[in-house]
PDB file of N, CA and C in Angstrom:
ATOM      1  N   MET A   1       0.839  -1.179   0.000  1.00  0.00           N
ATOM      2  CA  MET A   1       0.000   0.000   0.000  1.00  0.00           C
ATOM      3  C   MET A   1       0.886   1.245   0.000  1.00  0.00           C
ATOM      4  N   THR A   2       0.673   2.087  -0.952  1.00  0.00           N
ATOM      5  CA  THR A   2       1.384   3.344  -1.036  1.00  0.00           C
ATOM      6  C   THR A   2       0.588   4.406  -0.292  1.00  0.00           C
ATOM      7  N   ARG A   3       1.274   5.239   0.445  1.00  0.00           N
ATOM      8  CA  ARG A   3       0.597   6.305   1.169  1.00  0.00           C
ATOM      9  C   ARG A   3      -0.150   7.206   0.197  1.00  0.00           C
ATOM     10  N   ASN A   4      -1.351   7.621   0.592  1.00  0.00           N
ATOM     11  CA  ASN A   4      -2.088   8.580  -0.205  1.00  0.00           C
ATOM     12  C   ASN A   4      -2.714   9.665   0.660  1.00  0.00           C
ATOM     13  N   MET A   5      -2.223   9.798   1.891  1.00  0.00           N
ATOM     14  CA  MET A   5      -2.724  10.814   2.810  1.00  0.00           C
ATOM     15  C   MET A   5      -1.564  11.636   3.350  1.00  0.00           C
ATOM     16  N   GLY A   6      -1.726  12.945   3.319  1.00  0.00           N
ATOM     17  CA  GLY A   6      -0.721  13.848   3.841  1.00  0.00           C
ATOM     18  C   GLY A   6      -0.826  14.009   5.350  1.00  0.00           C
ATOM     19  N   THR A   7       0.101  14.749   5.917  1.00  0.00           N
ATOM     20  CA  THR A   7       0.177  14.927   7.367  1.00  0.00           C
ATOM     21  C   THR A   7      -1.050  15.641   7.919  1.00  0.00           C
ATOM     22  N   ILE A   8      -1.480  16.704   7.262  1.00  0.00           N
ATOM     23  CA  ILE A   8      -2.642  17.453   7.755  1.00  0.00           C
ATOM     24  C   ILE A   8      -3.894  16.589   7.676  1.00  0.00           C
ATOM     25  N   ASP A   9      -4.048  15.857   6.612  1.00  0.00           N
ATOM     26  CA  ASP A   9      -5.189  14.956   6.446  1.00  0.00           C
ATOM     27  C   ASP A   9      -5.207  13.922   7.568  1.00  0.00           C
ATOM     28  N   ARG A  10      -4.062  13.367   7.870  1.00  0.00           N
ATOM     29  CA  ARG A  10      -3.973  12.355   8.926  1.00  0.00           C
ATOM     30  C   ARG A  10      -4.308  12.956  10.287  1.00  0.00           C
ATOM     31  N   LEU A  11      -3.820  14.155  10.548  1.00  0.00           N
ATOM     32  CA  LEU A  11      -4.095  14.821  11.819  1.00  0.00           C
ATOM     33  C   LEU A  11      -5.592  15.098  11.977  1.00  0.00           C
ATOM     34  N   LEU A  12      -6.222  15.574  10.922  1.00  0.00           N
ATOM     35  CA  LEU A  12      -7.661  15.837  10.972  1.00  0.00           C
ATOM     36  C   LEU A  12      -8.455  14.556  11.202  1.00  0.00           C
ATOM     37  N   ARG A  13      -8.003  13.467  10.623  1.00  0.00           N
ATOM     38  CA  ARG A  13      -8.690  12.186  10.831  1.00  0.00           C
ATOM     39  C   ARG A  13      -8.556  11.705  12.276  1.00  0.00           C
ATOM     40  N   VAL A  14      -7.402  11.912  12.872  1.00  0.00           N
ATOM     41  CA  VAL A  14      -7.224  11.527  14.277  1.00  0.00           C
ATOM     42  C   VAL A  14      -8.170  12.336  15.164  1.00  0.00           C
ATOM     43  N   VAL A  15      -8.226  13.641  14.933  1.00  0.00           N
ATOM     44  CA  VAL A  15      -9.106  14.504  15.729  1.00  0.00           C
ATOM     45  C   VAL A  15     -10.566  14.094  15.537  1.00  0.00           C
ATOM     46  N   ALA A  16     -10.983  13.879  14.294  1.00  0.00           N
ATOM     47  CA  ALA A  16     -12.368  13.491  14.021  1.00  0.00           C
ATOM     48  C   ALA A  16     -12.692  12.127  14.629  1.00  0.00           C
ATOM     49  N   GLY A  17     -11.771  11.185  14.504  1.00  0.00           N
ATOM     50  CA  GLY A  17     -11.994   9.852  15.064  1.00  0.00           C
ATOM     51  C   GLY A  17     -12.132   9.874  16.575  1.00  0.00           C
ATOM     52  N   LEU A  18     -11.251  10.619  17.238  1.00  0.00           N
ATOM     53  CA  LEU A  18     -11.328  10.721  18.703  1.00  0.00           C
ATOM     54  C   LEU A  18     -12.604  11.432  19.136  1.00  0.00           C
ATOM     55  N   ALA A  19     -13.019  12.451  18.378  1.00  0.00           N
ATOM     56  CA  ALA A  19     -14.259  13.166  18.705  1.00  0.00           C
ATOM     57  C   ALA A  19     -15.470  12.241  18.572  1.00  0.00           C
ATOM     58  N   LEU A  20     -15.526  11.457  17.505  1.00  0.00           N
ATOM     59  CA  LEU A  20     -16.650  10.538  17.319  1.00  0.00           C
ATOM     60  C   LEU A  20     -16.712   9.486  18.421  1.00  0.00           C
ATOM     61  N   ILE A  21     -15.570   8.953  18.772  1.00  0.00           N
ATOM     62  CA  ILE A  21     -15.541   7.956  19.839  1.00  0.00           C
ATOM     63  C   ILE A  21     -15.903   8.599  21.177  1.00  0.00           C
ATOM     64  N   GLY A  22     -15.410   9.824  21.405  1.00  0.00           N
ATOM     65  CA  GLY A  22     -15.750  10.541  22.634  1.00  0.00           C
ATOM     66  C   GLY A  22     -17.238  10.810  22.751  1.00  0.00           C
ATOM     67  N   PHE A  23     -17.874  11.193  21.648  1.00  0.00           N
ATOM     68  CA  PHE A  23     -19.316  11.415  21.664  1.00  0.00           C
ATOM     69  C   PHE A  23     -20.063  10.117  21.935  1.00  0.00           C
ATOM     70  N   ALA A  24     -19.573   9.015  21.412  1.00  0.00           N
ATOM     71  CA  ALA A  24     -20.236   7.722  21.634  1.00  0.00           C
ATOM     72  C   ALA A  24     -20.130   7.300  23.092  1.00  0.00           C
ATOM     73  N   VAL A  25     -18.993   7.593  23.707  1.00  0.00           N
ATOM     74  CA  VAL A  25     -18.792   7.197  25.104  1.00  0.00           C
ATOM     75  C   VAL A  25     -19.574   8.116  26.043  1.00  0.00           C
ATOM     76  N   ALA A  26     -19.535   9.423  25.781  1.00  0.00           N
ATOM     77  CA  ALA A  26     -20.156  10.395  26.677  1.00  0.00           C
ATOM     78  C   ALA A  26     -21.659  10.540  26.468  1.00  0.00           C
ATOM     79  N   GLY A  27     -22.122  10.308  25.252  1.00  0.00           N
ATOM     80  CA  GLY A  27     -23.535  10.529  24.944  1.00  0.00           C
ATOM     81  C   GLY A  27     -24.358   9.270  25.083  1.00  0.00           C
ATOM     82  N   PRO A  28     -25.467   9.257  24.395  1.00  0.00           N
ATOM     83  CA  PRO A  28     -26.330   8.065  24.442  1.00  0.00           C
ATOM     84  C   PRO A  28     -25.620   6.852  23.829  1.00  0.00           C
ATOM     85  N   ALA A  29     -26.029   5.689  24.221  1.00  0.00           N
ATOM     86  CA  ALA A  29     -25.397   4.452  23.752  1.00  0.00           C
ATOM     87  C   ALA A  29     -25.760   4.227  22.281  1.00  0.00           C
ATOM     88  N   ASP A  30     -25.050   4.900  21.405  1.00  0.00           N
ATOM     89  CA  ASP A  30     -25.305   4.818  19.971  1.00  0.00           C
ATOM     90  C   ASP A  30     -24.101   4.175  19.298  1.00  0.00           C
ATOM     91  N   PRO A  31     -24.248   2.979  18.749  1.00  0.00           N
ATOM     92  CA  PRO A  31     -23.093   2.299  18.155  1.00  0.00           C
ATOM     93  C   PRO A  31     -22.528   3.013  16.935  1.00  0.00           C
ATOM     94  N   TRP A  32     -23.270   3.925  16.296  1.00  0.00           N
ATOM     95  CA  TRP A  32     -22.763   4.644  15.137  1.00  0.00           C
ATOM     96  C   TRP A  32     -21.601   5.549  15.510  1.00  0.00           C
ATOM     97  N   GLY A  33     -21.480   5.926  16.752  1.00  0.00           N
ATOM     98  CA  GLY A  33     -20.374   6.765  17.186  1.00  0.00           C
ATOM     99  C   GLY A  33     -19.039   6.051  17.078  1.00  0.00           C
ATOM    100  N   TYR A  34     -19.058   4.750  17.132  1.00  0.00           N
ATOM    101  CA  TYR A  34     -17.812   3.985  17.058  1.00  0.00           C
ATOM    102  C   TYR A  34     -17.258   3.897  15.640  1.00  0.00           C
ATOM    103  N   ILE A  35     -17.917   4.547  14.695  1.00  0.00           N
ATOM    104  CA  ILE A  35     -17.386   4.625  13.336  1.00  0.00           C
ATOM    105  C   ILE A  35     -16.091   5.438  13.355  1.00  0.00           C
ATOM    106  N   GLY A  36     -15.813   6.125  14.451  1.00  0.00           N
ATOM    107  CA  GLY A  36     -14.578   6.891  14.610  1.00  0.00           C
ATOM    108  C   GLY A  36     -13.335   6.028  14.553  1.00  0.00           C
ATOM    109  N   ILE A  37     -13.482   4.737  14.683  1.00  0.00           N
ATOM    110  CA  ILE A  37     -12.339   3.831  14.585  1.00  0.00           C
ATOM    111  C   ILE A  37     -11.772   3.842  13.163  1.00  0.00           C
ATOM    112  N   VAL A  38     -12.632   4.020  12.173  1.00  0.00           N
ATOM    113  CA  VAL A  38     -12.194   4.000  10.775  1.00  0.00           C
ATOM    114  C   VAL A  38     -11.203   5.133  10.478  1.00  0.00           C
ATOM    115  N   PRO A  39     -11.522   6.403  10.808  1.00  0.00           N
ATOM    116  CA  PRO A  39     -10.526   7.442  10.537  1.00  0.00           C
ATOM    117  C   PRO A  39      -9.236   7.259  11.335  1.00  0.00           C
ATOM    118  N   LEU A  40      -9.339   6.714  12.537  1.00  0.00           N
ATOM    119  CA  LEU A  40      -8.123   6.467  13.319  1.00  0.00           C
ATOM    120  C   LEU A  40      -7.228   5.431  12.637  1.00  0.00           C
ATOM    121  N   LEU A  41      -7.822   4.367  12.133  1.00  0.00           N
ATOM    122  CA  LEU A  41      -7.038   3.328  11.467  1.00  0.00           C
ATOM    123  C   LEU A  41      -6.422   3.821  10.160  1.00  0.00           C
ATOM    124  N   THR A  42      -7.199   4.560   9.375  1.00  0.00           N
ATOM    125  CA  THR A  42      -6.652   5.057   8.113  1.00  0.00           C
ATOM    126  C   THR A  42      -5.547   6.075   8.360  1.00  0.00           C
ATOM    127  N   ALA A  43      -5.681   6.864   9.412  1.00  0.00           N
ATOM    128  CA  ALA A  43      -4.623   7.827   9.748  1.00  0.00           C
ATOM    129  C   ALA A  43      -3.362   7.098  10.217  1.00  0.00           C
ATOM    130  N   ALA A  44      -3.540   6.010  10.932  1.00  0.00           N
ATOM    131  CA  ALA A  44      -2.384   5.270  11.446  1.00  0.00           C
ATOM    132  C   ALA A  44      -1.546   4.668  10.322  1.00  0.00           C
ATOM    133  N   VAL A  45      -2.196   4.194   9.271  1.00  0.00           N
ATOM    134  CA  VAL A  45      -1.441   3.568   8.182  1.00  0.00           C
ATOM    135  C   VAL A  45      -1.134   4.526   7.038  1.00  0.00           C
ATOM    136  N   GLY A  46      -1.811   5.698   7.008  1.00  0.00           N
ATOM    137  CA  GLY A  46      -1.545   6.678   5.964  1.00  0.00           C
ATOM    138  C   GLY A  46      -2.137   6.315   4.615  1.00  0.00           C
ATOM    139  N   PHE A  47      -3.112   5.434   4.616  1.00  0.00           N
ATOM    140  CA  PHE A  47      -3.726   4.976   3.371  1.00  0.00           C
ATOM    141  C   PHE A  47      -5.241   4.966   3.520  1.00  0.00           C
ATOM    142  N   CYS A  48      -5.932   5.534   2.547  1.00  0.00           N
ATOM    143  CA  CYS A  48      -7.391   5.542   2.545  1.00  0.00           C
ATOM    144  C   CYS A  48      -7.881   4.839   1.279  1.00  0.00           C
ATOM    145  N   PRO A  49      -8.572   3.705   1.414  1.00  0.00           N
ATOM    146  CA  PRO A  49      -9.064   2.991   0.235  1.00  0.00           C
ATOM    147  C   PRO A  49     -10.030   3.830  -0.609  1.00  0.00           C
ATOM    148  N   ALA A  50     -10.828   4.671   0.022  1.00  0.00           N
ATOM    149  CA  ALA A  50     -11.762   5.516  -0.728  1.00  0.00           C
ATOM    150  C   ALA A  50     -11.012   6.514  -1.604  1.00  0.00           C
ATOM    151  N   TYR A  51      -9.893   7.028  -1.116  1.00  0.00           N
ATOM    152  CA  TYR A  51      -9.082   7.948  -1.916  1.00  0.00           C
ATOM    153  C   TYR A  51      -8.572   7.248  -3.170  1.00  0.00           C
ATOM    154  N   ARG A  52      -8.182   6.008  -3.027  1.00  0.00           N
ATOM    155  CA  ARG A  52      -7.687   5.273  -4.189  1.00  0.00           C
ATOM    156  C   ARG A  52      -8.793   5.080  -5.227  1.00  0.00           C
ATOM    157  N   LEU A  53     -10.003   4.787  -4.764  1.00  0.00           N
ATOM    158  CA  LEU A  53     -11.122   4.581  -5.689  1.00  0.00           C
ATOM    159  C   LEU A  53     -11.431   5.827  -6.513  1.00  0.00           C
ATOM    160  N   ILE A  54     -11.333   7.007  -5.882  1.00  0.00           N
ATOM    161  CA  ILE A  54     -11.663   8.234  -6.606  1.00  0.00           C
ATOM    162  C   ILE A  54     -10.429   8.936  -7.161  1.00  0.00           C
ATOM    163  N   GLY A  55      -9.250   8.371  -6.939  1.00  0.00           N
ATOM    164  CA  GLY A  55      -8.018   8.920  -7.499  1.00  0.00           C
ATOM    165  C   GLY A  55      -7.498  10.135  -6.771  1.00  0.00           C
ATOM    166  N   LEU A  56      -7.817  10.291  -5.498  1.00  0.00           N
ATOM    167  CA  LEU A  56      -7.377  11.433  -4.711  1.00  0.00           C
ATOM    168  C   LEU A  56      -6.099  11.095  -3.957  1.00  0.00           C
ATOM    169  N   ASN A  57      -5.207  12.068  -3.858  1.00  0.00           N
ATOM    170  CA  ASN A  57      -3.955  11.887  -3.128  1.00  0.00           C
ATOM    171  C   ASN A  57      -3.605  13.199  -2.454  1.00  0.00           C
ATOM    172  N   THR A  58      -3.620  13.229  -1.113  1.00  0.00           N
ATOM    173  CA  THR A  58      -3.276  14.439  -0.383  1.00  0.00           C
ATOM    174  C   THR A  58      -1.840  14.396   0.111  1.00  0.00           C
ATOM    175  N   CYS A  59      -1.149  13.377  -0.251  1.00  0.00           N
ATOM    176  CA  CYS A  59       0.234  13.191   0.172  1.00  0.00           C
ATOM    177  C   CYS A  59       1.159  13.903  -0.818  1.00  0.00           C
ATOM    178  N   GLY A  60       2.034  14.733  -0.298  1.00  0.00           N
ATOM    179  CA  GLY A  60       2.991  15.406  -1.159  1.00  0.00           C
ATOM    180  C   GLY A  60       4.054  14.449  -1.661  1.00  0.00           C
ATOM    181  N   LYS A  61       4.812  14.855  -2.656  1.00  0.00           N
ATOM    182  CA  LYS A  61       5.857  13.997  -3.219  1.00  0.00           C
ATOM    183  C   LYS A  61       6.873  13.598  -2.162  1.00  0.00           C
ATOM    184  N   ARG A  62       7.220  14.508  -1.293  1.00  0.00           N
ATOM    185  CA  ARG A  62       8.205  14.232  -0.244  1.00  0.00           C
ATOM    186  C   ARG A  62       7.717  13.123   0.697  1.00  0.00           C
ATOM    187  N   ASP A  63       6.441  13.175   1.091  1.00  0.00           N
ATOM    188  CA  ASP A  63       5.868  12.152   1.976  1.00  0.00           C
ATOM    189  C   ASP A  63       5.815  10.789   1.282  1.00  0.00           C
ATOM    190  N   ARG A  64       5.452  10.771   0.001  1.00  0.00           N
ATOM    191  CA  ARG A  64       5.371   9.514  -0.737  1.00  0.00           C
ATOM    192  C   ARG A  64       6.736   8.863  -0.830  1.00  0.00           C
ATOM    193  N   ASP A  65       7.772   9.653  -1.079  1.00  0.00           N
ATOM    194  CA  ASP A  65       9.119   9.098  -1.188  1.00  0.00           C
ATOM    195  C   ASP A  65       9.609   8.535   0.139  1.00  0.00           C
ATOM    196  N   ALA A  66       9.222   9.170   1.240  1.00  0.00           N
ATOM    197  CA  ALA A  66       9.650   8.694   2.554  1.00  0.00           C
ATOM    198  C   ALA A  66       8.984   7.375   2.911  1.00  0.00           C
ATOM    199  N   ALA A  67       7.782   7.122   2.392  1.00  0.00           N
ATOM    200  CA  ALA A  67       7.061   5.896   2.698  1.00  0.00           C
ATOM    201  C   ALA A  67       7.611   4.706   1.919  1.00  0.00           C
ATOM    202  N   ALA A  68       8.247   4.957   0.821  1.00  0.00           N
ATOM    203  CA  ALA A  68       8.717   3.858  -0.027  1.00  0.00           C
ATOM    204  C   ALA A  68       9.964   3.195   0.484  1.00  0.00           C
TER     205      ALA A  68
END
């Protein structure tokens, strides 16, 4: 898997994932809040399958070279 997510994209996904999980824990028992695990996992590996499907790449050339 080649990286297709840049640093800012990954940071935003971590924040969004933690917020979704936090809302699920603090709010009503709604299992949809645990969807926050998905952005956390994609941020951890630096690869988003949906980005590949639509041909999007937020990773700069420098980041891609470092991953290889």
